[in-house]
Amino acid sequence: MAGLKKAKARDRSRPDVTEGKLPNIIADGRIRILGILCKVSDDFEQYLYQIHFVGSLTTWLDGECRFDQVGDIDILINGREMARQFWVFLEGLLEQGLKSVYNVEEKADALKYWNPCLSFHKWHPTALTLDCSKLNLKHNPFNLDINIDKWVLRDVPGSDKWMHDDETTFEHHSFSSKKEHSRDPISFALAIPKVKDYLGTLNHPK
């Protein structure tokens, strides 16, 4: 099974995920975003196999790089039930301090924490950030990108109104396509326990 692997005797030829300089818990956006995801995912326990980490974080989860080598955080929703819960999930992320980069034409009416960085751009709500002032950074550790499998995107209410910056429809934008990744996705059900353990070591170092 791809993804998290059972711990074996430590192999010095592979990097230890705990080696290297520990990130600053307050300043490191990746740490803050992972903490938010852990907190919010507790309310979606029955859907955790429909949410996955993708991108560079999966290399760390597989024990093949240090955390300080991880880029921004990317997740994938690929289940219909979780897609239907998208706005509830998003509201939880917004409540914990993330902001949508863009505004949207149509969204859930009950969003209490909706305050997009670029309110005049009505595109899509799948690019999130902790800090609107850092949007222009090439490698932004304060961003969370939500990818939604194109086969379940239509289950997200209002997604047919989403646009991208080149005005293509949602059917052709990256958030609705099977984004190319060099590694298999790792479900929240498998990954969140390890992430919580790691965050615990930062809060309570030995």
N, C-alpha and C. Protein backbone atom coordinates (compact mmCIF):
# COMPACT_ATOMS: atom_id res chain seq x y z
N MET A 1 0.85 -1.21 0.00
CA MET A 1 0.00 0.00 0.00
C MET A 1 0.87 1.24 0.00
N ALA A 2 0.60 2.15 -0.92
CA ALA A 2 1.36 3.39 -0.96
C ALA A 2 0.96 4.27 0.21
N GLY A 3 1.86 5.13 0.63
CA GLY A 3 1.54 6.05 1.72
C GLY A 3 2.42 5.80 2.90
N LEU A 4 1.85 5.94 4.10
CA LEU A 4 2.63 5.77 5.30
C LEU A 4 3.15 4.35 5.41
N LYS A 5 4.37 4.24 5.82
CA LYS A 5 4.99 2.94 5.92
C LYS A 5 5.27 2.60 7.37
N LYS A 6 5.19 1.33 7.69
CA LYS A 6 5.44 0.89 9.04
C LYS A 6 6.87 1.20 9.42
N ALA A 7 7.06 1.74 10.62
CA ALA A 7 8.40 2.13 11.05
C ALA A 7 9.30 0.92 11.16
N LYS A 8 10.52 1.09 10.67
CA LYS A 8 11.52 0.04 10.75
C LYS A 8 12.72 0.57 11.51
N ALA A 9 13.71 -0.29 11.68
CA ALA A 9 14.93 0.15 12.33
C ALA A 9 15.49 1.34 11.54
N ARG A 10 16.02 2.32 12.23
CA ARG A 10 16.44 3.55 11.60
C ARG A 10 17.56 3.31 10.59
N ASP A 11 17.35 3.81 9.40
CA ASP A 11 18.31 3.67 8.32
C ASP A 11 19.02 5.00 8.14
N ARG A 12 20.32 5.02 8.44
CA ARG A 12 21.06 6.28 8.40
C ARG A 12 21.23 6.80 6.98
N SER A 13 20.94 5.98 5.97
CA SER A 13 21.08 6.44 4.59
C SER A 13 19.90 7.31 4.16
N ARG A 14 18.82 7.29 4.95
CA ARG A 14 17.64 8.10 4.63
C ARG A 14 17.52 9.22 5.66
N PRO A 15 17.09 10.40 5.25
CA PRO A 15 17.01 11.53 6.18
C PRO A 15 15.96 11.28 7.25
N ASP A 16 16.28 11.66 8.46
CA ASP A 16 15.34 11.57 9.57
C ASP A 16 14.41 12.77 9.50
N VAL A 17 13.11 12.52 9.55
CA VAL A 17 12.15 13.63 9.41
C VAL A 17 12.25 14.60 10.58
N THR A 18 12.87 14.21 11.68
CA THR A 18 12.99 15.11 12.82
C THR A 18 14.33 15.81 12.87
N GLU A 19 15.27 15.46 11.96
CA GLU A 19 16.56 16.12 11.95
C GLU A 19 16.45 17.47 11.27
N GLY A 20 17.50 18.28 11.44
CA GLY A 20 17.49 19.61 10.85
C GLY A 20 16.89 20.61 11.84
N LYS A 21 16.91 21.85 11.47
CA LYS A 21 16.40 22.91 12.33
C LYS A 21 14.89 22.80 12.46
N LEU A 22 14.42 22.78 13.70
CA LEU A 22 12.97 22.72 13.92
C LEU A 22 12.35 24.05 13.51
N PRO A 23 11.19 23.99 12.85
CA PRO A 23 10.56 25.23 12.40
C PRO A 23 10.01 26.05 13.55
N ASN A 24 9.96 27.36 13.36
CA ASN A 24 9.35 28.24 14.34
C ASN A 24 7.84 28.04 14.29
N ILE A 25 7.26 27.61 15.40
CA ILE A 25 5.84 27.24 15.41
C ILE A 25 4.94 28.41 15.02
N ILE A 26 5.31 29.61 15.45
CA ILE A 26 4.47 30.78 15.17
C ILE A 26 4.71 31.29 13.76
N ALA A 27 5.99 31.37 13.34
CA ALA A 27 6.32 32.00 12.06
C ALA A 27 6.12 31.08 10.87
N ASP A 28 6.23 29.77 11.06
CA ASP A 28 6.17 28.86 9.93
C ASP A 28 4.72 28.60 9.54
N GLY A 29 4.34 29.10 8.35
CA GLY A 29 2.95 28.96 7.92
C GLY A 29 2.53 27.52 7.75
N ARG A 30 3.46 26.65 7.33
CA ARG A 30 3.11 25.24 7.13
C ARG A 30 2.65 24.59 8.42
N ILE A 31 3.35 24.91 9.51
CA ILE A 31 2.98 24.36 10.82
C ILE A 31 1.60 24.84 11.21
N ARG A 32 1.33 26.11 11.01
CA ARG A 32 0.03 26.67 11.37
C ARG A 32 -1.08 26.04 10.53
N ILE A 33 -0.82 25.86 9.23
CA ILE A 33 -1.84 25.27 8.36
C ILE A 33 -2.11 23.83 8.75
N LEU A 34 -1.06 23.06 9.04
CA LEU A 34 -1.26 21.67 9.45
C LEU A 34 -2.04 21.59 10.76
N GLY A 35 -1.76 22.51 11.66
CA GLY A 35 -2.52 22.55 12.92
C GLY A 35 -4.00 22.82 12.67
N ILE A 36 -4.28 23.73 11.74
CA ILE A 36 -5.67 24.03 11.38
C ILE A 36 -6.34 22.81 10.75
N LEU A 37 -5.64 22.14 9.84
CA LEU A 37 -6.21 20.95 9.20
C LEU A 37 -6.50 19.85 10.20
N CYS A 38 -5.60 19.67 11.16
CA CYS A 38 -5.84 18.66 12.20
C CYS A 38 -7.09 19.00 13.01
N LYS A 39 -7.22 20.25 13.38
CA LYS A 39 -8.37 20.67 14.20
C LYS A 39 -9.68 20.50 13.43
N VAL A 40 -9.70 20.99 12.19
CA VAL A 40 -10.93 20.95 11.41
C VAL A 40 -11.29 19.52 11.01
N SER A 41 -10.29 18.70 10.72
CA SER A 41 -10.57 17.33 10.27
C SER A 41 -11.23 16.49 11.36
N ASP A 42 -11.09 16.90 12.62
CA ASP A 42 -11.75 16.17 13.71
C ASP A 42 -13.27 16.15 13.54
N ASP A 43 -13.80 17.15 12.83
CA ASP A 43 -15.25 17.22 12.61
C ASP A 43 -15.70 16.43 11.38
N PHE A 44 -14.74 15.82 10.66
CA PHE A 44 -15.07 15.08 9.44
C PHE A 44 -14.48 13.67 9.48
N GLU A 45 -14.53 13.09 10.66
CA GLU A 45 -13.87 11.80 10.87
C GLU A 45 -14.37 10.73 9.92
N GLN A 46 -15.65 10.75 9.58
CA GLN A 46 -16.21 9.71 8.70
C GLN A 46 -15.80 9.89 7.25
N TYR A 47 -15.19 11.04 6.90
CA TYR A 47 -14.82 11.32 5.52
C TYR A 47 -13.31 11.39 5.31
N LEU A 48 -12.51 10.99 6.27
CA LEU A 48 -11.07 11.22 6.19
C LEU A 48 -10.39 10.43 5.08
N TYR A 49 -11.04 9.37 4.58
CA TYR A 49 -10.47 8.63 3.45
C TYR A 49 -10.80 9.31 2.12
N GLN A 50 -11.56 10.41 2.18
CA GLN A 50 -11.89 11.16 0.96
C GLN A 50 -11.13 12.48 0.88
N ILE A 51 -10.23 12.72 1.84
CA ILE A 51 -9.35 13.89 1.84
C ILE A 51 -7.91 13.37 1.91
N HIS A 52 -7.05 13.92 1.08
CA HIS A 52 -5.68 13.41 0.98
C HIS A 52 -4.67 14.54 0.96
N PHE A 53 -3.49 14.26 1.49
CA PHE A 53 -2.36 15.14 1.25
C PHE A 53 -1.73 14.75 -0.07
N VAL A 54 -1.33 15.74 -0.86
CA VAL A 54 -0.61 15.51 -2.11
C VAL A 54 0.59 16.47 -2.12
N GLY A 55 1.45 16.31 -3.11
CA GLY A 55 2.59 17.21 -3.22
C GLY A 55 3.74 16.84 -2.30
N SER A 56 4.56 17.83 -1.97
CA SER A 56 5.81 17.55 -1.27
C SER A 56 5.62 17.03 0.15
N LEU A 57 4.48 17.32 0.77
CA LEU A 57 4.27 16.83 2.13
C LEU A 57 4.24 15.31 2.17
N THR A 58 3.82 14.66 1.10
CA THR A 58 3.77 13.20 1.10
C THR A 58 5.17 12.60 1.17
N THR A 59 6.16 13.30 0.64
CA THR A 59 7.54 12.83 0.74
C THR A 59 7.98 12.80 2.21
N TRP A 60 7.61 13.82 2.94
CA TRP A 60 7.90 13.86 4.38
C TRP A 60 7.13 12.78 5.13
N LEU A 61 5.86 12.60 4.79
CA LEU A 61 5.04 11.59 5.46
C LEU A 61 5.59 10.19 5.23
N ASP A 62 6.22 9.98 4.09
CA ASP A 62 6.84 8.69 3.79
C ASP A 62 8.23 8.56 4.39
N GLY A 63 8.67 9.58 5.13
CA GLY A 63 9.97 9.50 5.80
C GLY A 63 11.15 9.70 4.89
N GLU A 64 10.97 10.39 3.78
CA GLU A 64 12.05 10.53 2.81
C GLU A 64 12.59 11.95 2.68
N CYS A 65 12.16 12.84 3.55
CA CYS A 65 12.78 14.17 3.61
C CYS A 65 12.49 14.77 4.97
N ARG A 66 13.22 15.83 5.31
CA ARG A 66 12.96 16.56 6.54
C ARG A 66 11.78 17.51 6.34
N PHE A 67 11.15 17.91 7.43
CA PHE A 67 10.00 18.80 7.29
C PHE A 67 10.40 20.14 6.69
N ASP A 68 11.62 20.61 7.00
CA ASP A 68 12.01 21.91 6.46
C ASP A 68 12.25 21.88 4.95
N GLN A 69 12.13 20.70 4.34
CA GLN A 69 12.23 20.60 2.89
C GLN A 69 10.86 20.57 2.20
N VAL A 70 9.81 20.63 2.99
CA VAL A 70 8.45 20.61 2.45
C VAL A 70 8.08 21.99 1.90
N GLY A 71 7.38 22.02 0.77
CA GLY A 71 6.91 23.29 0.21
C GLY A 71 5.58 23.69 0.81
N ASP A 72 4.72 24.28 0.00
CA ASP A 72 3.41 24.66 0.52
C ASP A 72 2.54 23.40 0.67
N ILE A 73 1.39 23.56 1.30
CA ILE A 73 0.53 22.43 1.63
C ILE A 73 -0.55 22.28 0.57
N ASP A 74 -0.69 21.07 0.04
CA ASP A 74 -1.71 20.76 -0.96
C ASP A 74 -2.55 19.58 -0.48
N ILE A 75 -3.86 19.69 -0.64
CA ILE A 75 -4.73 18.57 -0.30
C ILE A 75 -5.65 18.28 -1.48
N LEU A 76 -6.22 17.08 -1.48
CA LEU A 76 -7.11 16.63 -2.55
C LEU A 76 -8.39 16.05 -1.94
N ILE A 77 -9.52 16.49 -2.45
CA ILE A 77 -10.81 15.90 -2.10
C ILE A 77 -11.25 15.05 -3.29
N ASN A 78 -11.50 13.76 -3.05
CA ASN A 78 -11.87 12.89 -4.18
C ASN A 78 -13.06 12.00 -3.88
N GLY A 79 -13.86 12.36 -2.87
CA GLY A 79 -15.06 11.60 -2.57
C GLY A 79 -16.30 12.47 -2.64
N ARG A 80 -17.40 11.91 -3.09
CA ARG A 80 -18.61 12.70 -3.30
C ARG A 80 -19.18 13.23 -1.99
N GLU A 81 -19.15 12.40 -0.95
CA GLU A 81 -19.71 12.85 0.33
C GLU A 81 -18.94 14.06 0.86
N MET A 82 -17.60 13.99 0.77
CA MET A 82 -16.80 15.11 1.26
C MET A 82 -16.97 16.33 0.36
N ALA A 83 -17.13 16.11 -0.95
CA ALA A 83 -17.36 17.23 -1.86
C ALA A 83 -18.65 17.97 -1.49
N ARG A 84 -19.67 17.21 -1.10
CA ARG A 84 -20.93 17.84 -0.70
C ARG A 84 -20.76 18.66 0.59
N GLN A 85 -19.76 18.30 1.39
CA GLN A 85 -19.50 19.01 2.64
C GLN A 85 -18.45 20.12 2.47
N PHE A 86 -18.10 20.45 1.22
CA PHE A 86 -17.00 21.38 0.97
C PHE A 86 -17.17 22.69 1.73
N TRP A 87 -18.35 23.30 1.65
CA TRP A 87 -18.51 24.62 2.26
C TRP A 87 -18.44 24.57 3.78
N VAL A 88 -18.89 23.47 4.36
CA VAL A 88 -18.78 23.31 5.82
C VAL A 88 -17.30 23.17 6.19
N PHE A 89 -16.58 22.37 5.41
CA PHE A 89 -15.15 22.20 5.61
C PHE A 89 -14.42 23.54 5.46
N LEU A 90 -14.77 24.28 4.41
CA LEU A 90 -14.14 25.57 4.17
C LEU A 90 -14.42 26.54 5.32
N GLU A 91 -15.64 26.55 5.80
CA GLU A 91 -15.98 27.45 6.91
C GLU A 91 -15.12 27.15 8.13
N GLY A 92 -14.84 25.88 8.39
CA GLY A 92 -13.97 25.53 9.50
C GLY A 92 -12.56 26.07 9.31
N LEU A 93 -12.05 25.99 8.09
CA LEU A 93 -10.71 26.52 7.80
C LEU A 93 -10.68 28.04 7.95
N LEU A 94 -11.74 28.70 7.47
CA LEU A 94 -11.80 30.16 7.58
C LEU A 94 -11.90 30.59 9.04
N GLU A 95 -12.66 29.85 9.81
CA GLU A 95 -12.81 30.20 11.23
C GLU A 95 -11.48 30.13 11.97
N GLN A 96 -10.59 29.26 11.53
CA GLN A 96 -9.30 29.10 12.18
C GLN A 96 -8.23 30.05 11.66
N GLY A 97 -8.58 30.93 10.73
CA GLY A 97 -7.64 31.97 10.33
C GLY A 97 -7.21 31.98 8.88
N LEU A 98 -7.59 30.97 8.11
CA LEU A 98 -7.28 31.00 6.68
C LEU A 98 -8.25 31.92 5.94
N LYS A 99 -7.81 32.44 4.81
CA LYS A 99 -8.66 33.29 3.98
C LYS A 99 -8.64 32.76 2.55
N SER A 100 -9.76 32.90 1.87
CA SER A 100 -9.77 32.59 0.45
C SER A 100 -9.03 33.71 -0.29
N VAL A 101 -8.18 33.34 -1.23
CA VAL A 101 -7.49 34.36 -2.01
C VAL A 101 -8.50 35.10 -2.89
N TYR A 102 -9.42 34.36 -3.49
CA TYR A 102 -10.38 34.95 -4.44
C TYR A 102 -11.79 34.95 -3.88
N ASN A 103 -12.60 35.80 -4.45
CA ASN A 103 -14.03 35.80 -4.19
C ASN A 103 -14.70 34.82 -5.16
N VAL A 104 -15.98 34.55 -4.97
CA VAL A 104 -16.69 33.66 -5.87
C VAL A 104 -18.05 34.27 -6.23
N GLU A 105 -18.58 33.82 -7.35
CA GLU A 105 -19.89 34.30 -7.80
C GLU A 105 -21.00 33.78 -6.92
N GLU A 106 -20.85 32.53 -6.48
CA GLU A 106 -21.90 31.90 -5.68
C GLU A 106 -21.26 31.05 -4.59
N LYS A 107 -21.70 31.23 -3.37
CA LYS A 107 -21.14 30.48 -2.25
C LYS A 107 -22.25 30.15 -1.28
N ALA A 108 -21.92 29.35 -0.29
CA ALA A 108 -22.90 29.02 0.75
C ALA A 108 -23.30 30.28 1.51
N ASP A 109 -24.57 30.45 1.76
CA ASP A 109 -25.07 31.67 2.41
C ASP A 109 -24.59 31.80 3.85
N ALA A 110 -24.31 30.68 4.50
CA ALA A 110 -24.05 30.70 5.93
C ALA A 110 -22.59 30.98 6.30
N LEU A 111 -21.75 31.33 5.34
CA LEU A 111 -20.33 31.56 5.66
C LEU A 111 -20.17 32.83 6.49
N LYS A 112 -19.81 32.66 7.77
CA LYS A 112 -19.67 33.81 8.66
C LYS A 112 -18.29 34.44 8.56
N TYR A 113 -17.30 33.69 8.09
CA TYR A 113 -15.92 34.16 8.13
C TYR A 113 -15.38 34.46 6.73
N TRP A 114 -16.25 34.69 5.77
CA TRP A 114 -15.83 34.94 4.40
C TRP A 114 -15.25 36.34 4.27
N ASN A 115 -13.98 36.44 3.96
CA ASN A 115 -13.31 37.73 3.82
C ASN A 115 -12.13 37.56 2.87
N PRO A 116 -12.40 37.39 1.56
CA PRO A 116 -11.34 37.06 0.61
C PRO A 116 -10.31 38.19 0.46
N CYS A 117 -9.10 37.80 0.13
CA CYS A 117 -8.03 38.79 -0.08
C CYS A 117 -8.33 39.68 -1.27
N LEU A 118 -8.77 39.08 -2.37
CA LEU A 118 -9.03 39.81 -3.61
C LEU A 118 -10.53 39.77 -3.89
N SER A 119 -11.26 40.58 -3.16
CA SER A 119 -12.73 40.50 -3.23
C SER A 119 -13.27 40.86 -4.61
N PHE A 120 -12.50 41.61 -5.39
CA PHE A 120 -12.97 42.03 -6.71
C PHE A 120 -12.76 40.94 -7.76
N HIS A 121 -12.00 39.89 -7.46
CA HIS A 121 -11.78 38.79 -8.40
C HIS A 121 -12.71 37.63 -8.03
N LYS A 122 -13.73 37.40 -8.81
CA LYS A 122 -14.68 36.32 -8.54
C LYS A 122 -14.29 35.10 -9.35
N TRP A 123 -13.49 34.22 -8.74
CA TRP A 123 -12.98 33.07 -9.45
C TRP A 123 -13.33 31.76 -8.76
N HIS A 124 -12.61 31.40 -7.71
CA HIS A 124 -12.86 30.11 -7.04
C HIS A 124 -12.34 30.19 -5.61
N PRO A 125 -12.82 29.33 -4.70
CA PRO A 125 -12.43 29.39 -3.29
C PRO A 125 -11.46 28.29 -2.87
N THR A 126 -10.65 27.78 -3.80
CA THR A 126 -9.80 26.64 -3.47
C THR A 126 -8.35 27.03 -3.19
N ALA A 127 -8.03 28.31 -3.31
CA ALA A 127 -6.71 28.81 -2.94
C ALA A 127 -6.86 29.60 -1.65
N LEU A 128 -6.21 29.13 -0.59
CA LEU A 128 -6.34 29.76 0.72
C LEU A 128 -4.97 30.25 1.20
N THR A 129 -4.99 31.23 2.06
CA THR A 129 -3.73 31.77 2.59
C THR A 129 -3.92 32.23 4.03
N LEU A 130 -2.83 32.26 4.75
CA LEU A 130 -2.83 32.82 6.11
C LEU A 130 -2.54 34.32 6.09
N ASP A 131 -1.95 34.80 5.03
CA ASP A 131 -1.48 36.18 5.00
C ASP A 131 -1.65 36.75 3.60
N CYS A 132 -2.63 37.61 3.42
CA CYS A 132 -2.90 38.20 2.11
C CYS A 132 -1.73 39.03 1.60
N SER A 133 -0.89 39.55 2.49
CA SER A 133 0.22 40.40 2.07
C SER A 133 1.36 39.62 1.44
N LYS A 134 1.32 38.27 1.56
CA LYS A 134 2.42 37.46 1.04
C LYS A 134 2.03 36.67 -0.22
N LEU A 135 0.99 37.11 -0.89
CA LEU A 135 0.49 36.35 -2.05
C LEU A 135 1.50 36.28 -3.19
N ASN A 136 2.37 37.26 -3.30
CA ASN A 136 3.28 37.32 -4.44
C ASN A 136 4.57 36.53 -4.24
N LEU A 137 4.73 35.89 -3.09
CA LEU A 137 5.92 35.08 -2.89
C LEU A 137 5.91 33.89 -3.84
N LYS A 138 7.06 33.58 -4.44
CA LYS A 138 7.13 32.48 -5.40
C LYS A 138 6.86 31.14 -4.72
N HIS A 139 7.50 30.91 -3.58
CA HIS A 139 7.26 29.70 -2.80
C HIS A 139 6.66 30.13 -1.47
N ASN A 140 5.36 30.07 -1.39
CA ASN A 140 4.66 30.67 -0.25
C ASN A 140 4.27 29.61 0.77
N PRO A 141 4.94 29.61 1.93
CA PRO A 141 4.61 28.62 2.96
C PRO A 141 3.35 28.94 3.74
N PHE A 142 2.68 30.02 3.35
CA PHE A 142 1.46 30.42 4.04
C PHE A 142 0.21 30.05 3.25
N ASN A 143 0.38 29.27 2.19
CA ASN A 143 -0.75 28.93 1.32
C ASN A 143 -1.19 27.47 1.49
N LEU A 144 -2.50 27.27 1.33
CA LEU A 144 -3.10 25.94 1.27
C LEU A 144 -3.90 25.85 -0.02
N ASP A 145 -3.57 24.88 -0.86
CA ASP A 145 -4.32 24.67 -2.10
C ASP A 145 -5.20 23.44 -1.96
N ILE A 146 -6.48 23.61 -2.29
CA ILE A 146 -7.43 22.50 -2.25
C ILE A 146 -7.68 22.04 -3.68
N ASN A 147 -7.31 20.81 -3.99
CA ASN A 147 -7.61 20.22 -5.29
C ASN A 147 -8.86 19.36 -5.14
N ILE A 148 -9.74 19.41 -6.12
CA ILE A 148 -10.96 18.62 -6.10
C ILE A 148 -11.00 17.78 -7.36
N ASP A 149 -11.12 16.47 -7.20
CA ASP A 149 -11.15 15.58 -8.35
C ASP A 149 -12.30 15.98 -9.27
N LYS A 150 -12.01 16.00 -10.57
CA LYS A 150 -13.03 16.47 -11.51
C LYS A 150 -14.29 15.61 -11.50
N TRP A 151 -14.16 14.36 -11.05
CA TRP A 151 -15.33 13.47 -11.05
C TRP A 151 -16.30 13.78 -9.91
N VAL A 152 -15.84 14.56 -8.92
CA VAL A 152 -16.74 14.89 -7.80
C VAL A 152 -16.97 16.40 -7.69
N LEU A 153 -16.34 17.18 -8.55
CA LEU A 153 -16.46 18.63 -8.43
C LEU A 153 -17.90 19.10 -8.52
N ARG A 154 -18.70 18.48 -9.37
CA ARG A 154 -20.09 18.90 -9.52
C ARG A 154 -20.92 18.66 -8.26
N ASP A 155 -20.39 17.86 -7.34
CA ASP A 155 -21.09 17.65 -6.07
C ASP A 155 -20.89 18.82 -5.11
N VAL A 156 -19.96 19.71 -5.42
CA VAL A 156 -19.77 20.91 -4.60
C VAL A 156 -20.80 21.95 -5.03
N PRO A 157 -21.72 22.33 -4.15
CA PRO A 157 -22.75 23.31 -4.53
C PRO A 157 -22.13 24.61 -5.04
N GLY A 158 -22.60 25.07 -6.20
CA GLY A 158 -22.14 26.34 -6.75
C GLY A 158 -20.85 26.26 -7.54
N SER A 159 -20.23 25.08 -7.64
CA SER A 159 -18.92 24.99 -8.32
C SER A 159 -19.02 25.24 -9.82
N ASP A 160 -20.21 25.11 -10.39
CA ASP A 160 -20.34 25.36 -11.83
C ASP A 160 -20.15 26.84 -12.17
N LYS A 161 -20.14 27.70 -11.14
CA LYS A 161 -19.91 29.13 -11.36
C LYS A 161 -18.44 29.52 -11.17
N TRP A 162 -17.61 28.60 -10.74
CA TRP A 162 -16.21 28.93 -10.47
C TRP A 162 -15.46 29.19 -11.78
N MET A 163 -14.55 30.14 -11.72
CA MET A 163 -13.74 30.50 -12.88
C MET A 163 -12.27 30.54 -12.47
N HIS A 164 -11.39 30.59 -13.47
CA HIS A 164 -9.97 30.78 -13.24
C HIS A 164 -9.57 32.12 -13.84
N ASP A 165 -8.31 32.54 -13.63
CA ASP A 165 -7.91 33.88 -14.05
C ASP A 165 -7.88 34.07 -15.56
N ASP A 166 -7.88 32.97 -16.32
CA ASP A 166 -7.96 33.12 -17.77
C ASP A 166 -9.40 32.97 -18.26
N GLU A 167 -10.35 32.99 -17.30
CA GLU A 167 -11.78 32.93 -17.57
C GLU A 167 -12.23 31.60 -18.16
N THR A 168 -11.43 30.57 -18.00
CA THR A 168 -11.89 29.24 -18.39
C THR A 168 -12.87 28.74 -17.35
N THR A 169 -13.74 27.84 -17.75
CA THR A 169 -14.72 27.32 -16.82
C THR A 169 -14.08 26.31 -15.87
N PHE A 170 -14.82 25.94 -14.85
CA PHE A 170 -14.28 25.05 -13.82
C PHE A 170 -13.85 23.70 -14.39
N GLU A 171 -14.42 23.29 -15.50
CA GLU A 171 -14.10 21.98 -16.06
C GLU A 171 -12.66 21.89 -16.57
N HIS A 172 -12.05 23.03 -16.83
CA HIS A 172 -10.71 23.03 -17.41
C HIS A 172 -9.66 23.55 -16.43
N HIS A 173 -10.05 23.94 -15.24
CA HIS A 173 -9.10 24.50 -14.29
C HIS A 173 -8.45 23.40 -13.47
N SER A 174 -7.26 23.70 -12.95
CA SER A 174 -6.47 22.68 -12.24
C SER A 174 -7.17 22.13 -11.00
N PHE A 175 -8.04 22.95 -10.36
CA PHE A 175 -8.67 22.42 -9.16
C PHE A 175 -9.65 21.31 -9.48
N SER A 176 -10.02 21.18 -10.75
CA SER A 176 -10.97 20.13 -11.12
C SER A 176 -10.33 18.98 -11.88
N SER A 177 -9.04 19.07 -12.11
CA SER A 177 -8.38 18.02 -12.88
C SER A 177 -7.58 17.11 -11.96
N LYS A 178 -7.16 15.98 -12.49
CA LYS A 178 -6.32 15.08 -11.72
C LYS A 178 -4.89 15.59 -11.82
N LYS A 179 -4.54 16.42 -10.86
CA LYS A 179 -3.25 17.09 -10.88
C LYS A 179 -2.13 16.05 -10.86
N GLU A 180 -1.09 16.31 -11.66
CA GLU A 180 0.02 15.38 -11.74
C GLU A 180 0.90 15.51 -10.51
N HIS A 181 1.09 14.42 -9.80
CA HIS A 181 1.98 14.40 -8.65
C HIS A 181 2.91 13.20 -8.80
N SER A 182 4.12 13.38 -8.29
CA SER A 182 5.12 12.32 -8.43
C SER A 182 4.90 11.19 -7.43
N ARG A 183 4.04 11.40 -6.44
CA ARG A 183 3.80 10.40 -5.42
C ARG A 183 2.30 10.19 -5.25
N ASP A 184 1.94 9.03 -4.72
CA ASP A 184 0.53 8.75 -4.47
C ASP A 184 0.00 9.64 -3.34
N PRO A 185 -1.27 10.04 -3.41
CA PRO A 185 -1.88 10.78 -2.30
C PRO A 185 -1.90 9.94 -1.03
N ILE A 186 -1.89 10.59 0.11
CA ILE A 186 -1.97 9.91 1.40
C ILE A 186 -3.19 10.45 2.13
N SER A 187 -4.11 9.57 2.48
CA SER A 187 -5.38 10.01 3.08
C SER A 187 -5.15 10.61 4.46
N PHE A 188 -6.06 11.52 4.82
CA PHE A 188 -6.02 12.11 6.15
C PHE A 188 -6.12 11.03 7.23
N ALA A 189 -6.89 9.97 6.95
CA ALA A 189 -7.06 8.90 7.93
C ALA A 189 -5.72 8.31 8.34
N LEU A 190 -4.78 8.21 7.40
CA LEU A 190 -3.45 7.68 7.69
C LEU A 190 -2.48 8.77 8.14
N ALA A 191 -2.61 9.96 7.58
CA ALA A 191 -1.61 11.00 7.80
C ALA A 191 -1.82 11.84 9.05
N ILE A 192 -3.07 12.14 9.37
CA ILE A 192 -3.33 13.07 10.48
C ILE A 192 -2.72 12.61 11.80
N PRO A 193 -2.77 11.31 12.17
CA PRO A 193 -2.13 10.91 13.42
C PRO A 193 -0.63 11.24 13.45
N LYS A 194 0.08 11.02 12.34
CA LYS A 194 1.50 11.35 12.31
C LYS A 194 1.72 12.85 12.40
N VAL A 195 0.88 13.62 11.71
CA VAL A 195 1.01 15.07 11.76
C VAL A 195 0.79 15.56 13.19
N LYS A 196 -0.21 15.03 13.86
CA LYS A 196 -0.48 15.44 15.25
C LYS A 196 0.69 15.09 16.15
N ASP A 197 1.28 13.92 15.95
CA ASP A 197 2.44 13.53 16.76
C ASP A 197 3.59 14.50 16.54
N TYR A 198 3.82 14.88 15.29
CA TYR A 198 4.90 15.80 14.98
C TYR A 198 4.65 17.17 15.61
N LEU A 199 3.44 17.67 15.49
CA LEU A 199 3.12 18.96 16.09
C LEU A 199 3.28 18.90 17.60
N GLY A 200 2.98 17.73 18.18
CA GLY A 200 3.18 17.56 19.61
C GLY A 200 4.63 17.67 20.01
N THR A 201 5.55 17.15 19.17
CA THR A 201 6.97 17.24 19.50
C THR A 201 7.45 18.69 19.43
N LEU A 202 6.83 19.50 18.58
CA LEU A 202 7.22 20.91 18.50
C LEU A 202 6.74 21.68 19.71
N ASN A 203 5.55 21.34 20.19
CA ASN A 203 4.99 22.02 21.35
C ASN A 203 5.63 21.56 22.65
N HIS A 204 6.10 20.30 22.65
CA HIS A 204 6.70 19.74 23.86
C HIS A 204 8.00 19.02 23.50
N PRO A 205 9.04 19.77 23.10
CA PRO A 205 10.30 19.12 22.71
C PRO A 205 10.93 18.40 23.86
N LYS A 206 11.60 17.27 23.56
CA LYS A 206 12.25 16.49 24.61
C LYS A 206 13.56 17.16 25.02
